[in-house]
Protein backbone atom coordinates (compact mmCIF):
# COMPACT_ATOMS: atom_id res chain seq x y z
CA MET A 1 -0.10 0.09 -0.02
CA SER A 2 1.64 3.15 -0.50
CA VAL A 3 1.96 6.05 1.68
CA ASP A 4 -0.37 8.58 -0.10
CA ASN A 5 -3.26 5.48 -0.07
CA ALA A 6 -2.38 5.20 4.09
CA THR A 7 -2.83 9.10 4.10
CA HIS A 8 -6.46 8.87 2.47
CA ARG A 9 -7.53 6.30 4.34
CA ALA A 10 -6.71 7.88 7.84
CA ASP A 11 -7.88 10.81 6.61
CA ALA A 12 -11.20 9.25 5.69
CA ALA A 13 -11.35 7.97 8.68
CA ARG A 14 -10.49 10.58 11.23
CA PRO A 15 -14.06 12.00 12.10
CA ALA A 16 -15.03 15.57 10.33
CA ALA A 17 -14.31 18.48 12.45
CA PRO A 18 -17.63 20.70 14.09
CA THR A 19 -19.03 22.90 11.96
CA LEU A 20 -20.45 26.44 12.77
CA GLU A 21 -23.62 24.88 10.87
CA GLN A 22 -23.41 22.46 13.17
CA VAL A 23 -23.01 24.43 16.12
CA ALA A 24 -26.10 26.88 15.04
CA GLU A 25 -28.37 23.86 14.87
CA ARG A 26 -27.41 22.16 18.33
CA ALA A 27 -27.68 25.20 20.05
CA GLY A 28 -30.92 26.04 18.23
CA VAL A 29 -29.86 29.66 16.82
CA SER A 30 -28.87 31.10 12.60
CA ARG A 31 -25.48 30.47 11.94
CA SER A 32 -25.02 34.66 12.02
CA THR A 33 -26.05 34.12 16.13
CA ALA A 34 -23.58 31.77 16.68
CA SER A 35 -20.95 33.40 14.89
CA ARG A 36 -21.60 36.57 17.08
CA ALA A 37 -21.81 34.37 19.93
CA ILE A 38 -18.15 33.22 19.51
CA ASN A 39 -16.80 35.91 18.15
CA GLY A 40 -17.51 38.04 21.29
CA GLY A 41 -21.20 38.11 22.00
CA LEU A 42 -22.22 41.38 20.43
CA ARG A 43 -26.00 42.05 19.76
CA VAL A 44 -26.60 38.01 21.64
CA SER A 45 -29.24 37.67 24.26
CA PRO A 46 -27.98 35.72 27.21
CA GLU A 47 -29.54 32.57 26.61
CA ALA A 48 -28.95 32.69 23.22
CA LEU A 49 -24.98 32.75 24.57
CA ALA A 50 -25.30 30.12 27.30
CA SER A 51 -26.81 27.91 24.35
CA VAL A 52 -24.39 28.25 22.21
CA GLU A 53 -21.53 27.92 24.87
CA ALA A 54 -23.17 24.97 25.83
CA ALA A 55 -23.05 23.38 22.09
CA VAL A 56 -19.60 24.76 20.89
CA ALA A 57 -18.91 22.21 24.86
CA ASP A 58 -20.90 19.26 24.05
CA LEU A 59 -19.27 19.42 19.81
CA GLY A 60 -16.02 20.14 20.87
CA TYR A 61 -16.12 22.86 18.46
CA THR A 62 -13.15 25.56 17.37
CA PRO A 63 -13.16 28.59 15.65
CA ASN A 64 -11.37 29.12 12.39
CA ARG A 65 -9.11 31.98 13.92
CA ALA A 66 -8.52 33.37 10.23
CA ALA A 67 -12.60 34.18 9.74
CA ARG A 68 -12.71 35.03 13.17
CA SER A 69 -10.19 37.59 12.53
CA LEU A 70 -12.20 38.64 9.66
CA VAL A 71 -14.96 39.55 11.62
CA THR A 72 -13.60 40.76 15.43
CA ARG A 73 -10.97 42.54 14.05
CA ARG A 74 -8.42 40.85 16.56
CA THR A 75 -5.92 38.75 15.86
CA ASP A 76 -5.54 37.38 19.26
CA SER A 77 -1.66 38.28 19.72
CA ILE A 78 0.40 41.14 21.89
CA ALA A 79 3.83 42.41 21.16
CA LEU A 80 6.57 42.82 23.61
CA VAL A 81 8.87 44.93 22.52
CA VAL A 82 12.15 45.53 23.20
CA PRO A 83 14.55 48.17 21.49
CA GLU A 84 18.08 46.25 22.00
CA PRO A 85 20.60 44.09 20.48
CA ASP A 86 20.15 40.12 20.76
CA GLU A 87 22.56 39.58 22.42
CA ARG A 88 21.57 42.24 25.19
CA VAL A 89 17.95 40.31 25.57
CA LEU A 90 19.13 37.23 25.53
CA SER A 91 21.72 37.90 28.94
CA ASP A 92 20.44 40.47 30.86
CA PRO A 93 17.91 38.87 34.04
CA PHE A 94 15.81 42.13 33.29
CA PHE A 95 14.54 40.90 30.05
CA ALA A 96 13.65 37.33 31.64
CA GLY A 97 11.86 38.76 34.39
CA THR A 98 9.68 41.05 32.12
CA LEU A 99 8.40 37.67 29.91
CA ASN A 100 7.71 35.95 33.51
CA GLY A 101 5.16 38.90 35.08
CA LEU A 102 4.15 39.74 31.23
CA SER A 103 2.76 35.76 30.50
CA SER A 104 1.20 35.69 34.25
CA ALA A 105 -0.89 39.05 33.35
CA LEU A 106 -1.54 36.87 30.31
CA ALA A 107 -2.28 33.43 31.59
CA GLU A 108 -6.41 33.71 31.36
CA SER A 109 -6.38 34.64 28.63
CA ASP A 110 -5.79 33.52 25.15
CA LEU A 111 -3.72 36.04 24.08
CA GLN A 112 -0.45 34.58 21.92
CA LEU A 113 2.79 36.72 23.39
CA VAL A 114 4.97 38.35 20.60
CA LEU A 115 8.73 38.93 21.31
CA VAL A 116 9.88 42.25 18.57
CA ILE A 117 13.67 42.48 18.86
CA ALA A 118 13.90 46.48 17.47
CA ARG A 119 17.29 46.51 16.87
CA PRO A 120 19.15 49.62 17.28
CA GLY A 121 18.49 51.62 13.81
CA ASP A 122 15.73 49.09 12.78
CA SER A 123 13.01 51.67 14.70
CA ALA A 124 11.06 51.88 11.66
CA ARG A 125 10.92 48.44 10.32
CA THR A 126 9.06 47.71 14.27
CA VAL A 127 6.78 50.76 13.41
CA ARG A 128 5.15 49.54 10.54
CA TYR A 129 4.71 45.82 11.90
CA LEU A 130 2.87 47.50 14.65
CA ARG A 131 0.88 49.94 12.66
CA ASN A 132 -0.06 47.22 10.08
CA GLY A 133 -2.11 45.23 12.48
CA HIS A 134 -0.43 41.52 13.24
CA VAL A 135 -0.94 42.35 16.90
CA ASP A 136 -3.73 43.87 18.86
CA GLY A 137 -1.32 46.08 21.46
CA ALA A 138 2.45 46.51 22.75
CA ILE A 139 3.91 46.16 25.39
CA VAL A 140 7.11 48.26 25.64
CA VAL A 141 10.93 47.74 27.79
CA SER A 142 13.82 49.43 27.93
CA HIS A 143 12.51 52.42 25.81
CA HIS A 144 15.31 54.38 23.79
CA ARG A 145 14.82 58.07 23.08
CA ASP A 146 15.87 57.46 19.61
CA ASP A 147 13.25 54.80 18.86
CA ALA A 148 10.15 57.40 18.76
CA LEU A 149 8.16 54.20 19.93
CA ASP A 150 5.90 56.03 22.18
CA GLN A 151 5.35 58.91 19.43
CA ALA A 152 4.65 56.55 16.78
CA LEU A 153 2.48 53.89 19.27
CA ARG A 154 0.58 57.67 20.49
CA GLN A 155 0.01 58.56 16.48
CA SER A 156 -0.99 54.31 15.76
CA HIS A 157 -3.67 54.32 18.40
CA LEU A 158 -2.52 51.11 18.71
CA PRO A 159 -3.32 49.92 22.89
CA ASN A 160 0.18 49.97 24.77
CA VAL A 161 1.53 49.73 28.10
CA PHE A 162 5.68 50.85 28.50
CA VAL A 163 7.58 49.00 31.43
CA GLY A 164 9.46 52.53 32.12
CA ARG A 165 8.43 56.03 31.75
CA PRO A 166 8.47 57.05 28.57
CA LEU A 167 10.68 59.89 27.16
CA SER A 168 8.44 62.03 25.46
CA LYS A 169 5.58 63.93 26.76
CA GLY A 170 1.49 62.77 26.31
CA ASP A 171 -0.82 60.93 27.62
CA THR A 172 1.34 57.22 27.36
CA GLN A 173 0.43 54.71 30.40
CA TYR A 174 3.17 53.13 31.61
CA VAL A 175 4.30 51.18 35.00
CA ASP A 176 7.45 52.23 36.77
CA ALA A 177 9.63 51.74 40.04
CA ASP A 178 10.64 55.19 41.26
CA ASN A 179 13.88 55.57 40.12
CA VAL A 180 14.75 58.74 41.30
CA ALA A 181 14.26 57.84 45.19
CA GLY A 182 15.74 54.40 44.64
CA GLY A 183 18.99 56.10 43.72
CA ARG A 184 18.40 58.93 46.89
CA MET A 185 18.15 56.23 49.06
CA ALA A 186 21.47 54.36 47.33
CA THR A 187 23.11 57.48 47.94
CA GLN A 188 21.65 58.37 51.38
CA HIS A 189 22.70 54.66 52.87
CA LEU A 190 26.00 55.53 51.50
CA ILE A 191 26.06 59.36 53.35
CA ASP A 192 25.35 57.34 56.40
CA LEU A 193 27.93 54.85 56.13
CA GLY A 194 29.94 57.92 56.75
CA ARG A 195 31.70 58.10 52.91
CA ARG A 196 32.26 61.60 51.95
CA ARG A 197 33.58 61.27 48.36
CA ILE A 198 30.56 58.82 46.54
CA GLY A 199 30.88 58.73 42.67
CA THR A 200 28.37 57.21 40.49
CA ILE A 201 27.82 55.50 37.69
CA ALA A 202 25.01 56.74 36.08
CA GLY A 203 22.65 54.52 33.12
CA PRO A 204 22.58 55.85 29.52
CA LEU A 205 20.65 59.80 29.29
CA ASP A 206 18.27 58.21 26.68
CA MET A 207 16.50 55.87 29.15
CA SER A 208 14.21 57.56 31.51
CA ALA A 209 15.42 54.71 34.26
CA GLY A 210 19.15 56.18 33.22
CA ILE A 211 18.29 60.28 33.74
CA ASP A 212 16.05 59.15 37.04
CA ARG A 213 18.65 57.56 38.85
CA LEU A 214 20.95 59.58 38.63
CA ALA A 215 18.24 62.30 39.24
CA GLY A 216 17.90 60.71 43.34
CA TRP A 217 21.76 60.41 43.44
CA ARG A 218 22.67 64.44 42.36
CA GLN A 219 19.81 64.85 45.23
CA ALA A 220 21.19 63.34 48.02
CA ILE A 221 24.76 64.38 47.66
CA ARG A 222 23.36 68.46 47.14
CA ALA A 223 21.48 67.71 50.60
CA ALA A 224 24.74 66.27 52.16
CA GLY A 225 26.74 69.12 50.47
CA LEU A 226 28.97 66.91 48.51
CA SER A 227 30.83 67.12 45.84
CA GLU A 228 28.79 66.10 42.65
CA ALA A 229 32.14 66.01 40.26
CA ALA A 230 32.30 61.80 40.38
CA ILE A 231 29.57 60.74 37.55
CA VAL A 232 30.56 58.02 34.37
CA HIS A 233 27.86 57.05 32.51
CA GLY A 234 27.27 53.24 31.59
CA ASP A 235 24.94 51.47 29.26
CA PHE A 236 23.38 48.81 32.34
CA THR A 237 25.79 45.77 30.86
CA ILE A 238 28.79 44.10 32.77
CA ALA A 239 31.43 45.32 30.12
CA SER A 240 30.27 49.33 30.48
CA GLY A 241 30.26 48.79 34.11
CA ALA A 242 33.38 47.37 34.34
CA ALA A 243 34.97 50.31 31.85
CA SER A 244 33.40 53.00 34.30
CA THR A 245 35.00 51.98 36.76
CA ARG A 246 38.21 52.23 35.20
CA ARG A 247 37.59 55.55 33.64
CA LEU A 248 35.77 56.74 37.32
CA LEU A 249 38.78 55.55 39.36
CA GLU A 250 41.60 57.01 36.83
CA GLN A 251 39.34 60.70 36.96
CA HIS A 252 38.85 60.43 40.61
CA PRO A 253 41.15 58.03 42.66
CA ASP A 254 40.24 59.25 45.73
CA VAL A 255 36.22 57.90 45.94
CA ASP A 256 34.65 56.01 48.63
CA ALA A 257 32.00 55.20 47.59
CA ILE A 258 29.79 54.00 43.90
CA PHE A 259 26.63 54.08 43.47
CA VAL A 260 25.68 51.52 40.35
CA ALA A 261 22.36 52.38 38.43
CA SER A 262 22.51 48.37 37.58
CA ASP A 263 23.13 44.98 38.99
CA LEU A 264 25.22 44.41 36.59
CA MET A 265 27.39 47.53 36.01
CA ALA A 266 28.01 46.41 39.46
CA ALA A 267 28.78 43.21 38.33
CA GLY A 268 31.34 44.76 36.60
CA ALA A 269 32.61 47.40 39.21
CA LEU A 270 33.06 44.68 41.63
CA GLY A 271 35.67 42.23 39.47
CA VAL A 272 37.22 45.79 38.58
CA LEU A 273 37.98 46.81 41.91
CA ALA A 274 39.11 43.19 42.93
CA GLU A 275 41.29 43.04 40.54
CA LEU A 276 43.07 46.13 41.40
CA GLY A 277 43.16 45.38 45.01
CA ARG A 278 40.25 47.72 46.15
CA ASP A 279 38.67 46.28 49.31
CA VAL A 280 34.83 46.39 49.20
CA PRO A 281 33.74 47.46 51.53
CA GLY A 282 36.63 49.05 53.45
CA ASP A 283 38.50 50.88 50.69
CA ILE A 284 35.05 51.60 48.81
CA ALA A 285 31.74 51.10 48.94
CA VAL A 286 29.26 49.72 46.21
CA VAL A 287 25.02 49.87 45.94
CA GLY A 288 23.81 48.49 43.09
CA TYR A 289 20.27 48.82 41.34
CA ASP A 290 17.70 46.10 40.39
CA ASN A 291 17.81 43.01 43.01
CA LEU A 292 18.00 40.75 40.18
CA GLY A 293 19.96 37.23 40.59
CA VAL A 294 23.66 38.32 39.54
CA ALA A 295 23.06 40.67 43.36
CA THR A 296 23.32 37.76 45.50
CA SER A 297 26.18 35.96 43.11
CA THR A 298 28.81 38.81 43.23
CA ASN A 299 31.56 38.44 45.22
CA PRO A 300 30.78 40.20 48.18
CA PRO A 301 27.21 40.18 47.36
CA LEU A 302 25.34 43.18 46.39
CA THR A 303 23.91 46.18 48.68
CA THR A 304 21.18 46.82 46.23
CA VAL A 305 17.65 48.58 45.47
CA ILE A 306 15.01 46.58 44.50
CA GLN A 307 13.47 46.95 41.32
CA PRO A 308 9.78 44.82 41.16
CA VAL A 309 10.77 43.54 37.62
CA VAL A 310 8.45 41.42 37.46
CA ALA A 311 5.50 42.70 39.23
CA MET A 312 6.03 45.88 37.25
CA ALA A 313 5.52 43.52 33.83
CA ARG A 314 2.60 41.71 35.45
CA ALA A 315 0.71 44.97 36.13
CA ALA A 316 1.51 46.84 32.59
CA GLY A 317 0.34 43.43 30.85
CA ALA A 318 -3.33 43.94 33.41
CA ARG A 319 -3.91 47.24 32.49
CA LEU A 320 -3.23 46.70 28.53
CA LEU A 321 -5.70 43.72 28.86
CA ASP A 322 -7.88 46.65 30.28
CA GLN A 323 -7.52 48.87 27.56
CA LEU A 324 -8.72 46.05 24.53
CA SER A 325 -11.51 45.61 26.61
CA GLY A 326 -12.11 49.68 26.14
CA VAL A 327 -10.74 50.95 30.16
CA TYR A 328 -8.24 53.05 30.31
CA ALA A 329 -6.28 54.35 33.46
CA ASP A 330 -6.19 57.46 34.26
CA ALA A 331 -2.62 58.15 36.02
CA PRO A 332 0.73 56.36 35.61
CA MET A 333 1.24 53.22 38.52
CA ILE A 334 4.61 53.67 40.51
CA PHE A 335 6.41 51.09 42.72
CA PRO A 336 8.40 52.10 45.75
CA SER A 337 11.55 51.72 45.99
CA GLU A 338 13.09 49.81 48.48
CA LEU A 339 17.08 49.03 50.32
CA VAL A 340 18.24 45.82 50.53
CA ILE A 341 21.73 45.69 52.25
CA ARG A 342 24.35 43.27 52.04
CA ALA A 343 28.19 43.39 52.47
CA SER A 344 29.36 45.32 49.52
CA ALA A 345 28.13 48.26 51.74
């Protein structure tokens, strides 16, 4: 017997999938009523809706998603947009936490999550994808000024929520941590330890987290009457933390404490300090930011500010689900800061 004949016989033996017409007949309603009930329940009485739902369950009916999308103009998918290089997305625990929280928010829905990596310099392609009806909404994390996603999404009217404060002014919905308070809290801890030559490895100034954490450092430094001179910038990666630490010590060899605007950069900083024979916290105290997995694996373990990434992403997902239901929040959701004290400071 040929393979084609065997396949034909298997297809013939397989029971036919139930049709919409059979669902309508079982429910005692018209085909159009059954279709409306399955695709959102608009203009369908509660009794008819219950009958159709029972028929769907009895027959094991599965809607044709392609046909359903023509009726509802919905794709049943949302995009997680990350404007970062591929290697950064795969190596930074921030993004793993984001996926965890967002998946949790969508667990009870039928929405699929599509990861969209908007590589630097390629934001126009991402914007075209989002505008062309491929997804019903978007969550944007790690937004940079040059990617202009906040402005493009506002103009597109696609439902969206940012994790992290967007940089342009407008009514974009977002969820964030209180990064200014976090930077201030971290720096004040160093001041309270008696440190007086406190530098910072700040984040990039094209991201709100970099701007706000530096602002918090400045507030605490100014309130204490200390010098604001010892500032260098990294890009939230281990490599930039190491390079920035070398640069900071070359320019300001007398620093006795460093507030580092991310745990990954702090891990890079600790490696350089160990290499140079600087004792932590004896010679230089170090405070990071994030409290992701790396904070407990450094030597010494890292004092850091908690950024509740999982909770933030979960909240962003819940807000996007609300938007898809026609409910819009009036104000951003801001999570409070909290310091975790370990051996580095």
